[in-house]
N, C-alpha and C. Protein backbone atom coordinates (compact mmCIF):
# COMPACT_ATOMS: atom_id res chain seq x y z
N UNK A 1 -3.06 -2.19 -21.56
CA UNK A 1 -3.09 -1.73 -19.80
C UNK A 1 -4.14 -0.92 -19.35
N UNK A 2 -4.55 -0.87 -18.52
CA UNK A 2 -5.76 0.15 -17.81
C UNK A 2 -5.08 0.76 -16.98
N UNK A 3 -5.14 2.28 -16.73
CA UNK A 3 -4.88 3.29 -15.61
C UNK A 3 -5.67 3.70 -15.47
N UNK A 4 -5.70 3.79 -13.87
CA UNK A 4 -6.72 3.68 -13.07
C UNK A 4 -6.48 5.19 -12.19
N UNK A 5 -6.40 6.40 -12.22
CA UNK A 5 -6.30 8.12 -11.51
C UNK A 5 -7.06 7.54 -10.14
N UNK A 6 -6.21 7.69 -8.98
CA UNK A 6 -6.82 7.58 -7.53
C UNK A 6 -6.72 9.26 -6.96
N UNK A 7 -7.67 9.48 -6.91
CA UNK A 7 -8.40 10.89 -6.18
C UNK A 7 -7.69 11.24 -5.19
N UNK A 8 -6.89 12.37 -4.72
CA UNK A 8 -6.08 13.06 -3.61
C UNK A 8 -7.02 12.26 -2.46
N UNK A 9 -6.31 11.66 -1.61
CA UNK A 9 -7.15 11.34 -0.28
C UNK A 9 -8.55 10.56 -0.49
N UNK A 10 -8.24 9.93 -1.92
CA UNK A 10 -9.03 8.68 -1.93
C UNK A 10 -8.46 7.64 -2.14
N UNK A 11 -9.52 6.27 -2.40
CA UNK A 11 -8.81 5.23 -2.90
C UNK A 11 -9.74 4.32 -3.98
N UNK A 12 -8.99 3.40 -4.34
CA UNK A 12 -9.54 2.64 -5.64
C UNK A 12 -9.50 1.25 -5.17
N UNK A 13 -10.37 0.47 -6.04
CA UNK A 13 -10.01 -0.85 -6.06
C UNK A 13 -10.17 -1.71 -7.39
N UNK A 14 -9.38 -2.91 -7.21
CA UNK A 14 -9.26 -3.10 -8.73
C UNK A 14 -9.06 -4.59 -8.75
N UNK A 15 -8.92 -5.32 -9.94
CA UNK A 15 -8.39 -7.17 -9.79
C UNK A 15 -7.15 -6.70 -10.69
N UNK A 16 -6.59 -7.74 -10.54
CA UNK A 16 -5.06 -8.30 -10.66
C UNK A 16 -5.32 -9.79 -11.35
N UNK A 17 -5.02 -9.92 -12.74
CA UNK A 17 -4.95 -11.49 -12.93
C UNK A 17 -3.62 -11.75 -12.85
N UNK A 18 -3.36 -13.43 -12.45
CA UNK A 18 -2.12 -14.08 -12.38
C UNK A 18 -1.49 -13.56 -13.77
N UNK A 19 -0.08 -13.22 -13.54
CA UNK A 19 0.70 -12.91 -14.69
C UNK A 19 1.07 -11.26 -14.99
N UNK A 20 -0.31 -10.54 -14.67
CA UNK A 20 -0.47 -9.30 -14.97
C UNK A 20 0.72 -8.41 -14.30
N UNK A 21 0.89 -7.27 -14.78
CA UNK A 21 1.83 -6.36 -13.82
C UNK A 21 0.95 -5.13 -13.31
N UNK A 22 1.35 -4.67 -12.34
CA UNK A 22 0.93 -3.68 -11.26
C UNK A 22 1.71 -2.89 -11.30
N UNK A 23 1.52 -1.25 -11.59
CA UNK A 23 2.52 -0.51 -11.41
C UNK A 23 1.69 0.70 -10.60
N UNK A 24 2.09 1.47 -9.49
CA UNK A 24 2.04 2.26 -8.74
C UNK A 24 2.79 3.70 -8.77
N UNK A 25 2.44 4.81 -9.78
CA UNK A 25 3.12 5.72 -9.47
C UNK A 25 2.92 7.07 -9.02
N UNK A 26 3.39 7.75 -8.45
CA UNK A 26 3.42 9.05 -7.02
C UNK A 26 3.51 10.15 -8.80
N UNK A 27 2.40 10.47 -8.84
CA UNK A 27 2.85 11.55 -10.16
C UNK A 27 2.99 12.34 -9.95
N UNK A 28 2.98 13.58 -8.74
CA UNK A 28 3.66 14.77 -8.28
C UNK A 28 4.91 15.00 -7.39
N UNK A 29 4.90 13.20 -6.63
CA UNK A 29 6.23 13.39 -5.94
C UNK A 29 5.70 13.46 -4.47
N UNK A 30 6.55 12.96 -3.57
CA UNK A 30 6.85 13.13 -1.78
C UNK A 30 5.04 12.46 -1.40
N UNK A 31 4.47 11.74 -2.07
CA UNK A 31 2.96 10.89 -2.00
C UNK A 31 3.21 9.30 -1.82
N UNK A 32 2.60 8.96 -0.55
CA UNK A 32 2.57 7.62 0.16
C UNK A 32 0.72 7.25 -0.81
N UNK A 33 1.31 5.89 -0.94
CA UNK A 33 -0.10 4.96 -1.63
C UNK A 33 -0.01 3.77 -0.71
N UNK A 34 -1.14 3.85 0.15
CA UNK A 34 -1.62 2.47 0.95
C UNK A 34 -1.83 1.55 -0.05
N UNK A 35 -1.20 0.09 0.24
CA UNK A 35 -1.78 -0.87 -0.88
C UNK A 35 -2.18 -2.07 -0.11
N UNK A 36 -3.04 -2.81 -0.01
CA UNK A 36 -4.03 -3.73 0.28
C UNK A 36 -4.00 -4.84 -1.00
N UNK A 37 -4.06 -6.07 -0.51
CA UNK A 37 -4.09 -7.12 -1.18
C UNK A 37 -4.68 -8.66 -0.92
N UNK A 38 -5.79 -8.99 -1.67
CA UNK A 38 -6.39 -10.12 -1.20
C UNK A 38 -6.51 -11.09 -2.45
N UNK A 39 -6.41 -12.73 -1.89
CA UNK A 39 -6.69 -13.56 -2.90
C UNK A 39 -7.73 -13.47 -3.85
N UNK A 40 -7.98 -13.73 -4.96
CA UNK A 40 -9.52 -13.41 -5.65
C UNK A 40 -10.13 -14.27 -4.98
N UNK A 41 -10.00 -15.44 -4.89
CA UNK A 41 -10.84 -16.93 -5.05
C UNK A 41 -10.95 -17.08 -3.11
N UNK A 42 -10.27 -16.31 -2.38
CA UNK A 42 -10.21 -16.68 -0.89
C UNK A 42 -9.79 -15.23 -0.05
N UNK A 43 -10.76 -14.02 0.49
CA UNK A 43 -10.52 -13.43 0.92
C UNK A 43 -10.02 -13.20 2.23
N UNK A 44 -9.56 -14.63 3.11
CA UNK A 44 -9.25 -14.70 4.06
C UNK A 44 -7.33 -15.03 4.07
N UNK A 45 -6.91 -15.07 2.63
CA UNK A 45 -5.54 -14.91 1.96
C UNK A 45 -5.29 -13.38 2.02
N UNK A 46 -4.41 -12.70 2.56
CA UNK A 46 -4.22 -11.11 2.26
C UNK A 46 -2.57 -10.97 2.30
N UNK A 47 -2.24 -10.01 1.89
CA UNK A 47 -0.88 -9.33 2.21
C UNK A 47 -0.54 -9.63 3.76
N UNK A 48 1.14 -10.00 4.01
CA UNK A 48 1.34 -9.77 5.26
C UNK A 48 2.68 -9.11 5.32
N UNK A 49 2.64 -8.50 6.20
CA UNK A 49 3.98 -7.85 6.44
C UNK A 49 4.79 -8.61 6.69
N UNK A 50 4.13 -9.17 8.06
CA UNK A 50 5.18 -10.09 9.07
C UNK A 50 5.56 -11.14 7.79
N UNK A 51 4.80 -12.03 7.37
CA UNK A 51 5.43 -13.26 6.53
C UNK A 51 6.44 -12.36 5.45
N UNK A 52 6.19 -11.09 4.78
CA UNK A 52 6.91 -10.60 3.85
C UNK A 52 8.12 -10.28 4.45
N UNK A 53 8.24 -10.00 5.29
CA UNK A 53 9.37 -9.74 6.41
C UNK A 53 10.48 -11.26 6.41
N UNK A 54 9.40 -11.89 7.01
CA UNK A 54 10.04 -12.98 7.50
C UNK A 54 10.86 -13.95 6.24
N UNK A 55 10.36 -14.00 5.02
CA UNK A 55 10.57 -14.61 3.79
C UNK A 55 11.59 -13.67 3.22
N UNK A 56 11.58 -12.75 2.96
CA UNK A 56 12.39 -11.60 2.24
C UNK A 56 14.23 -11.96 3.58
N UNK A 57 13.58 -11.67 4.67
CA UNK A 57 14.73 -11.50 5.76
C UNK A 57 14.83 -9.80 5.39
N UNK A 58 14.21 -8.80 5.20
CA UNK A 58 14.18 -7.50 4.69
C UNK A 58 12.92 -6.36 5.31
N UNK A 59 13.36 -5.26 5.75
CA UNK A 59 11.98 -4.51 6.23
C UNK A 59 11.37 -3.89 4.77
N UNK A 60 11.99 -4.06 3.84
CA UNK A 60 11.92 -3.44 2.44
C UNK A 60 12.32 -4.49 1.36
N UNK A 61 11.09 -5.14 0.93
CA UNK A 61 11.10 -5.86 -0.13
C UNK A 61 12.00 -4.89 -1.52
N UNK A 62 13.11 -5.39 -2.17
CA UNK A 62 13.71 -5.15 -3.27
C UNK A 62 13.40 -5.65 -4.32
N UNK A 63 13.59 -5.45 -5.64
CA UNK A 63 13.64 -6.08 -6.71
C UNK A 63 13.85 -7.66 -6.86
N UNK A 64 13.12 -8.15 -7.29
CA UNK A 64 13.45 -9.57 -7.21
C UNK A 64 12.77 -10.23 -6.16
N UNK A 65 12.13 -9.58 -4.84
CA UNK A 65 11.78 -10.13 -4.10
C UNK A 65 10.13 -9.88 -4.10
N UNK A 66 9.23 -10.63 -3.44
CA UNK A 66 8.23 -10.25 -3.22
C UNK A 66 7.21 -10.18 -2.26
N UNK A 67 5.90 -9.77 -2.25
CA UNK A 67 5.39 -9.14 -1.27
C UNK A 67 4.02 -10.80 -1.06
N UNK A 68 4.67 -11.14 0.36
CA UNK A 68 4.00 -12.66 0.48
C UNK A 68 2.47 -12.56 1.35
N UNK A 69 1.86 -13.81 1.13
CA UNK A 69 0.30 -13.47 1.85
C UNK A 69 0.89 -13.88 3.29
N UNK A 70 -0.64 -14.10 4.17
CA UNK A 70 -0.66 -14.78 5.36
C UNK A 70 -0.46 -16.38 5.36
N UNK A 71 -0.42 -16.69 4.42
CA UNK A 71 -0.36 -18.29 4.07
C UNK A 71 1.18 -18.65 3.37
N UNK A 72 2.01 -17.03 3.14
CA UNK A 72 3.62 -17.59 2.84
C UNK A 72 3.54 -17.63 1.40
N UNK A 73 2.41 -17.35 0.51
CA UNK A 73 2.38 -17.28 -0.75
C UNK A 73 3.13 -16.25 -1.31
N UNK A 74 3.71 -15.88 -2.36
CA UNK A 74 4.21 -14.86 -2.96
C UNK A 74 3.14 -14.21 -4.14
N UNK A 75 2.87 -13.45 -3.22
CA UNK A 75 1.39 -12.69 -4.09
C UNK A 75 1.92 -11.18 -5.14
N UNK A 76 2.75 -10.65 -4.81
CA UNK A 76 3.12 -9.92 -5.93
C UNK A 76 5.08 -9.90 -5.87
N UNK A 77 5.39 -10.28 -6.96
CA UNK A 77 6.87 -10.04 -7.07
C UNK A 77 7.22 -8.62 -7.33
N UNK A 78 8.42 -8.19 -6.96
CA UNK A 78 8.93 -6.73 -7.32
C UNK A 78 9.60 -6.73 -8.42
N UNK A 79 9.48 -6.14 -9.54
CA UNK A 79 10.21 -6.39 -10.69
C UNK A 79 11.05 -5.04 -11.21
N UNK A 80 10.42 -3.64 -10.72
CA UNK A 80 11.30 -2.27 -10.61
C UNK A 80 10.91 -1.58 -9.37
N UNK A 81 11.71 -0.99 -9.16
CA UNK A 81 11.48 -0.01 -8.09
C UNK A 81 12.38 1.52 -8.29
N UNK A 82 11.89 2.53 -8.43
CA UNK A 82 12.45 3.93 -8.53
C UNK A 82 12.89 4.44 -7.27
N UNK A 83 12.19 3.95 -6.37
CA UNK A 83 12.79 4.59 -5.07
C UNK A 83 13.19 3.50 -3.94
N UNK A 84 12.83 2.56 -3.67
CA UNK A 84 13.04 1.67 -3.00
C UNK A 84 13.33 1.94 -1.24
N UNK A 85 12.37 2.70 -1.00
CA UNK A 85 11.75 2.65 0.45
C UNK A 85 10.48 2.87 0.46
N UNK A 86 9.94 2.04 1.17
CA UNK A 86 8.21 1.39 1.58
C UNK A 86 8.52 0.84 3.14
N UNK A 87 7.03 1.07 3.71
CA UNK A 87 7.28 0.42 4.68
C UNK A 87 6.34 -0.35 5.29
N UNK A 88 6.42 -1.52 5.73
CA UNK A 88 5.20 -2.16 6.14
C UNK A 88 5.07 -2.38 7.86
N UNK A 89 5.46 -1.62 8.47
CA UNK A 89 5.34 -1.37 10.10
C UNK A 89 3.91 -0.67 10.19
N UNK A 90 3.45 0.40 9.34
CA UNK A 90 2.29 1.07 10.05
C UNK A 90 0.97 0.47 9.48
N UNK A 91 -0.10 0.65 10.12
CA UNK A 91 -1.39 0.12 9.54
C UNK A 91 -1.92 1.17 8.94
N UNK A 92 -2.84 1.36 8.20
CA UNK A 92 -3.76 2.60 7.47
C UNK A 92 -3.87 3.53 8.35
N UNK A 93 -3.89 4.59 8.10
CA UNK A 93 -4.41 5.78 8.69
C UNK A 93 -5.85 5.65 9.09
N UNK A 94 -6.49 5.96 10.14
CA UNK A 94 -8.02 5.75 10.27
C UNK A 94 -8.30 7.12 11.15
N UNK A 95 -9.55 7.30 11.42
CA UNK A 95 -10.73 8.10 12.29
C UNK A 95 -9.85 8.03 13.36
N UNK A 96 -9.47 7.00 14.13
CA UNK A 96 -9.23 7.14 15.52
C UNK A 96 -7.66 7.19 15.53
N UNK A 97 -7.04 7.29 14.36
CA UNK A 97 -5.56 7.56 14.43
C UNK A 97 -5.48 9.27 14.71
N UNK A 98 -6.16 9.65 13.76
CA UNK A 98 -6.14 11.42 13.73
C UNK A 98 -6.71 11.88 14.85
N UNK A 99 -7.94 11.08 15.69
CA UNK A 99 -8.41 11.84 17.25
C UNK A 99 -7.43 11.50 18.07
N UNK A 100 -6.44 10.61 17.92
CA UNK A 100 -5.78 10.36 18.98
C UNK A 100 -4.29 11.11 18.90
N UNK A 101 -3.71 11.23 17.72
CA UNK A 101 -2.88 11.82 17.55
C UNK A 101 -3.00 13.70 17.48
N UNK A 102 -3.79 13.50 16.28
CA UNK A 102 -4.14 15.38 16.40
C UNK A 102 -5.31 15.95 16.77
N UNK A 103 -6.24 15.31 17.49
CA UNK A 103 -7.35 15.82 18.20
C UNK A 103 -8.47 15.89 17.02
N UNK A 104 -8.31 15.59 15.65
CA UNK A 104 -8.70 15.65 14.29
C UNK A 104 -10.29 14.75 14.91
N UNK A 105 -11.32 15.41 14.00
CA UNK A 105 -12.62 14.76 13.95
C UNK A 105 -12.87 14.57 12.36
N UNK A 106 -13.39 13.63 11.79
CA UNK A 106 -13.81 13.75 10.18
C UNK A 106 -12.68 14.16 9.13
N UNK A 107 -11.57 13.84 9.46
CA UNK A 107 -10.95 14.00 8.24
C UNK A 107 -10.64 12.49 7.20
N UNK A 108 -10.60 13.08 5.94
CA UNK A 108 -10.24 11.47 5.12
C UNK A 108 -9.07 10.60 5.64
N UNK A 109 -9.26 9.32 5.53
CA UNK A 109 -8.45 8.63 6.08
C UNK A 109 -8.25 7.34 5.19
N UNK A 110 -7.07 6.66 5.09
CA UNK A 110 -6.95 5.28 4.14
C UNK A 110 -8.06 4.35 4.44
N UNK A 111 -7.98 4.04 5.98
CA UNK A 111 -8.93 2.73 5.98
C UNK A 111 -10.36 2.97 5.99
N UNK A 112 -10.93 4.13 5.98
CA UNK A 112 -12.37 4.72 5.25
C UNK A 112 -11.89 4.46 3.50
N UNK A 113 -10.96 4.95 2.95
CA UNK A 113 -10.97 4.56 1.43
C UNK A 113 -10.54 3.48 1.01
N UNK A 114 -9.87 2.33 1.63
CA UNK A 114 -9.56 0.91 1.55
C UNK A 114 -10.92 0.23 1.45
N UNK A 115 -11.31 0.68 2.91
CA UNK A 115 -13.17 -0.25 2.96
C UNK A 115 -13.80 0.31 1.79
N UNK A 116 -14.41 1.26 1.31
CA UNK A 116 -15.23 1.82 0.43
C UNK A 116 -14.76 1.08 -0.70
N UNK A 117 -13.50 1.06 -0.97
CA UNK A 117 -12.81 0.49 -2.61
C UNK A 117 -12.65 -0.74 -2.40
N UNK A 118 -12.83 -1.45 -1.61
CA UNK A 118 -13.26 -3.05 -1.21
C UNK A 118 -14.97 -3.88 -1.15
N UNK A 119 -15.71 -2.75 -1.13
CA UNK A 119 -17.18 -2.98 -0.58
C UNK A 119 -17.37 -3.75 -1.73
N UNK A 120 -17.19 -3.26 -3.29
CA UNK A 120 -17.70 -4.23 -4.12
C UNK A 120 -17.44 -5.84 -4.04
N UNK A 121 -16.47 -6.29 -3.02
CA UNK A 121 -16.19 -7.81 -2.90
C UNK A 121 -16.40 -8.12 -1.34
N UNK A 122 -17.07 -7.24 -0.98
CA UNK A 122 -17.73 -7.38 0.49
C UNK A 122 -16.55 -7.32 1.53
N UNK A 123 -15.23 -6.89 1.32
CA UNK A 123 -14.18 -6.97 2.52
C UNK A 123 -14.34 -5.56 3.08
N UNK A 124 -14.89 -6.06 4.53
CA UNK A 124 -14.86 -4.40 5.41
C UNK A 124 -13.59 -4.28 5.96
N UNK A 125 -13.75 -3.25 6.81
CA UNK A 125 -12.57 -2.82 7.54
C UNK A 125 -11.88 -3.98 8.56
N UNK A 126 -12.74 -4.54 8.84
CA UNK A 126 -12.18 -5.43 10.19
C UNK A 126 -11.39 -6.65 9.60
N UNK A 127 -11.58 -6.91 7.97
CA UNK A 127 -10.78 -7.73 6.97
C UNK A 127 -9.55 -7.01 6.48
N UNK A 128 -9.34 -6.07 6.89
CA UNK A 128 -8.12 -5.23 6.06
C UNK A 128 -6.80 -5.36 6.88
N UNK A 129 -5.84 -5.96 6.43
CA UNK A 129 -4.58 -5.86 7.11
C UNK A 129 -3.60 -4.37 6.93
N UNK A 130 -2.62 -4.62 7.51
CA UNK A 130 -1.97 -3.59 7.46
C UNK A 130 -1.47 -3.60 6.25
N UNK A 131 -1.24 -2.20 5.73
CA UNK A 131 -1.09 -2.18 3.98
C UNK A 131 0.51 -2.51 4.04
N UNK A 132 0.91 -2.28 2.39
CA UNK A 132 2.09 -2.51 1.74
C UNK A 132 2.27 -0.88 1.83
N UNK A 133 2.95 0.21 2.49
CA UNK A 133 3.07 1.75 2.59
C UNK A 133 3.95 2.13 1.56
N UNK A 134 3.72 2.08 0.17
CA UNK A 134 4.57 2.37 -0.73
C UNK A 134 4.95 4.03 -0.88
N UNK A 135 6.25 3.94 -1.08
CA UNK A 135 6.89 5.19 -0.56
C UNK A 135 7.34 5.92 0.95
N UNK A 136 6.78 5.12 1.37
CA UNK A 136 6.74 5.65 3.09
C UNK A 136 8.24 5.57 3.77
N UNK A 137 8.48 6.81 4.13
CA UNK A 137 9.82 6.39 4.41
C UNK A 137 9.84 6.78 6.20
N UNK A 138 10.23 5.45 6.48
CA UNK A 138 10.02 5.20 8.57
C UNK A 138 11.25 4.92 8.63
N UNK A 139 11.88 5.64 9.47
CA UNK A 139 13.30 5.36 9.91
C UNK A 139 13.33 4.11 11.63
N UNK A 140 13.71 3.16 11.74
CA UNK A 140 13.47 2.69 13.08
C UNK A 140 14.86 3.10 13.61
N UNK A 141 14.84 3.64 14.80
CA UNK A 141 15.99 4.09 15.98
C UNK A 141 16.53 2.66 16.75
N UNK A 142 17.87 2.77 17.29
CA UNK A 142 18.31 1.84 17.70
C UNK A 142 17.52 1.70 18.95
N UNK A 143 16.68 2.47 19.53
CA UNK A 143 15.92 2.17 20.87
C UNK A 143 14.90 1.51 20.30
N UNK A 144 14.54 1.34 18.90
CA UNK A 144 13.17 0.74 18.64
C UNK A 144 12.23 1.74 17.91
N UNK A 145 12.40 3.30 18.53
CA UNK A 145 11.50 4.30 18.00
C UNK A 145 11.71 4.34 16.63
N UNK A 146 10.36 4.69 16.18
CA UNK A 146 10.15 5.17 15.06
C UNK A 146 9.89 6.83 14.85
N UNK A 147 10.15 7.08 13.42
CA UNK A 147 10.18 8.41 13.24
C UNK A 147 9.66 8.14 11.76
N UNK A 148 8.30 8.96 10.80
CA UNK A 148 7.70 8.85 9.82
C UNK A 148 8.84 10.31 9.07
N UNK A 149 9.36 10.38 8.10
CA UNK A 149 10.07 11.20 7.34
C UNK A 149 9.28 11.49 5.97
N UNK A 150 9.31 12.52 5.48
CA UNK A 150 8.86 12.44 4.02
C UNK A 150 9.29 11.77 3.10
N UNK A 151 8.01 11.36 2.08
CA UNK A 151 8.57 10.39 1.18
C UNK A 151 9.34 10.76 0.36
N UNK A 152 10.49 10.22 -0.18
CA UNK A 152 11.58 10.36 -0.95
C UNK A 152 11.12 10.23 -2.46
N UNK A 153 10.08 9.73 -2.54
CA UNK A 153 9.74 9.51 -4.48
C UNK A 153 9.61 11.40 -5.09
N UNK A 154 9.88 11.05 -6.20
CA UNK A 154 10.02 11.97 -7.01
C UNK A 154 8.81 12.38 -8.12
N UNK A 155 8.59 13.22 -8.65
CA UNK A 155 7.33 13.15 -9.82
C UNK A 155 7.53 12.09 -10.77
N UNK A 156 6.44 11.46 -10.84
CA UNK A 156 6.86 10.13 -11.69
C UNK A 156 7.38 8.86 -11.66
N UNK A 157 7.63 8.73 -10.05
CA UNK A 157 8.39 7.56 -9.87
C UNK A 157 7.43 6.29 -9.30
N UNK A 158 7.75 5.44 -9.52
CA UNK A 158 7.01 4.11 -9.60
C UNK A 158 7.44 2.83 -9.05
N UNK A 159 6.70 1.52 -8.85
CA UNK A 159 6.87 0.70 -8.09
C UNK A 159 6.40 -0.62 -9.27
N UNK A 160 6.90 -1.27 -9.90
CA UNK A 160 6.34 -2.47 -10.29
C UNK A 160 5.80 -3.62 -9.88
N UNK A 161 4.91 -4.15 -10.00
CA UNK A 161 4.51 -5.83 -9.34
C UNK A 161 4.60 -6.56 -10.51
N UNK A 162 4.50 -8.22 -10.35
CA UNK A 162 4.07 -9.01 -11.16
C UNK A 162 3.14 -9.63 -10.29
N UNK A 163 1.89 -10.37 -10.34
CA UNK A 163 1.35 -10.94 -9.93
C UNK A 163 1.19 -12.79 -10.15
N UNK A 164 1.46 -12.88 -8.86
CA UNK A 164 1.83 -14.63 -8.84
C UNK A 164 0.75 -14.89 -9.28
N UNK A 165 -1.00 -14.93 -8.56
CA UNK A 165 -2.21 -15.60 -9.06
C UNK A 165 -3.26 -14.35 -8.82
N UNK A 166 -4.44 -14.72 -9.23
CA UNK A 166 -5.44 -13.63 -9.13
C UNK A 166 -5.95 -13.04 -7.92
N UNK A 167 -5.71 -11.88 -8.23
CA UNK A 167 -5.94 -10.85 -6.53
C UNK A 167 -6.98 -10.00 -6.88
N UNK A 168 -7.45 -9.11 -5.52
CA UNK A 168 -8.01 -8.14 -5.26
C UNK A 168 -6.96 -7.34 -4.74
N UNK A 169 -7.06 -5.69 -5.19
CA UNK A 169 -6.40 -4.79 -4.58
C UNK A 169 -7.08 -3.47 -4.27
N UNK A 170 -6.41 -2.94 -3.33
CA UNK A 170 -6.81 -1.69 -3.07
C UNK A 170 -5.59 -0.79 -2.93
N UNK A 171 -5.81 0.66 -3.36
CA UNK A 171 -4.82 1.64 -2.86
C UNK A 171 -5.72 2.84 -2.67
N UNK A 172 -5.12 3.49 -1.69
CA UNK A 172 -5.46 4.77 -1.15
C UNK A 172 -4.34 5.88 -1.19
N UNK A 173 -4.69 7.24 -1.63
CA UNK A 173 -3.58 7.99 -1.29
C UNK A 173 -3.49 8.93 -0.47
N UNK A 174 -2.70 8.56 0.41
CA UNK A 174 -2.45 8.89 2.01
C UNK A 174 -2.94 9.86 2.22
N UNK A 175 -3.63 10.28 3.09
CA UNK A 175 -3.99 12.28 3.29
C UNK A 175 -3.14 12.46 4.72
N UNK A 176 -2.44 11.23 5.15
CA UNK A 176 -2.02 11.79 6.54
C UNK A 176 -0.56 13.06 6.35
N UNK A 177 -0.40 14.03 7.42
CA UNK A 177 0.31 15.29 7.03
C UNK A 177 1.60 14.81 6.55
N UNK A 178 2.14 13.99 7.34
CA UNK A 178 3.60 13.52 7.02
C UNK A 178 3.56 12.30 6.24
N UNK A 179 2.64 12.09 5.47
CA UNK A 179 2.69 11.20 4.08
C UNK A 179 2.06 11.58 2.53
N UNK A 180 1.75 12.62 2.63
CA UNK A 180 1.30 13.61 1.43
C UNK A 180 1.99 14.55 0.56
N UNK A 181 1.78 14.27 -0.65
CA UNK A 181 2.38 15.50 -1.76
C UNK A 181 1.11 16.04 -2.20
N UNK A 182 1.11 15.96 -3.34
CA UNK A 182 -0.16 16.88 -3.95
C UNK A 182 -1.35 15.45 -4.15
N UNK A 183 -1.14 14.23 -3.87
CA UNK A 183 -1.87 13.46 -4.05
C UNK A 183 -2.43 12.37 -4.84
N UNK A 184 -1.79 12.91 -5.74
CA UNK A 184 -2.18 12.23 -7.31
C UNK A 184 -1.28 10.93 -7.13
N UNK A 185 -1.92 10.00 -7.37
CA UNK A 185 -1.69 8.41 -7.62
C UNK A 185 -2.21 7.76 -8.63
N UNK A 186 -1.18 7.18 -9.47
CA UNK A 186 -1.95 6.32 -10.79
C UNK A 186 -1.72 5.01 -10.68
N UNK A 187 -2.57 4.17 -10.80
CA UNK A 187 -2.16 2.64 -11.01
C UNK A 187 -2.71 2.32 -12.48
N UNK A 188 -1.68 1.44 -12.58
CA UNK A 188 -1.51 0.79 -14.26
C UNK A 188 -1.70 -1.02 -13.76
N UNK A 189 -2.44 -1.27 -14.76
CA UNK A 189 -2.73 -2.93 -14.67
C UNK A 189 -2.88 -3.32 -15.99
N UNK A 190 -2.10 -4.74 -16.36
CA UNK A 190 -1.87 -5.14 -17.40
C UNK A 190 -0.99 -6.01 -17.77
């Protein structure tokens, strides 16, 4: 099993072979990790929150359910989940989001992290779909309004997947104010 440390407010790209496990661990607690996944042989096939919602009938896949591709193929099966709270609604935070919401310029963001992490596979920002936001706590109100609450993950909590086929993946340690603890994320593949 290889262990990859994601720097706080940073990102990392890696491959996962068919049948291998992928575990994402929140080392310090209260940290969101943005996960994007592509088919290794065809970057036009990627994780789709919409297809995942449709195939599972849920806003948050549970153990025994899968993350599906835009072609409705099971990419990652959820084997175990210490938290059970994740998000598929929000896109990766970006420079534009920070400028619009906070008036910030040049803050680290997940979209840039994911793009730089996927550069070895020539996957650019325009090809990056909305991520599976691990440990992100989003509440949808009766009127459709959304509220981002602090991540409920505790130190050492994780989620474990099993790859359905060969994948390219990237994880960003989210620097957004409502989604960050101390930033320490560990990815285990094997």
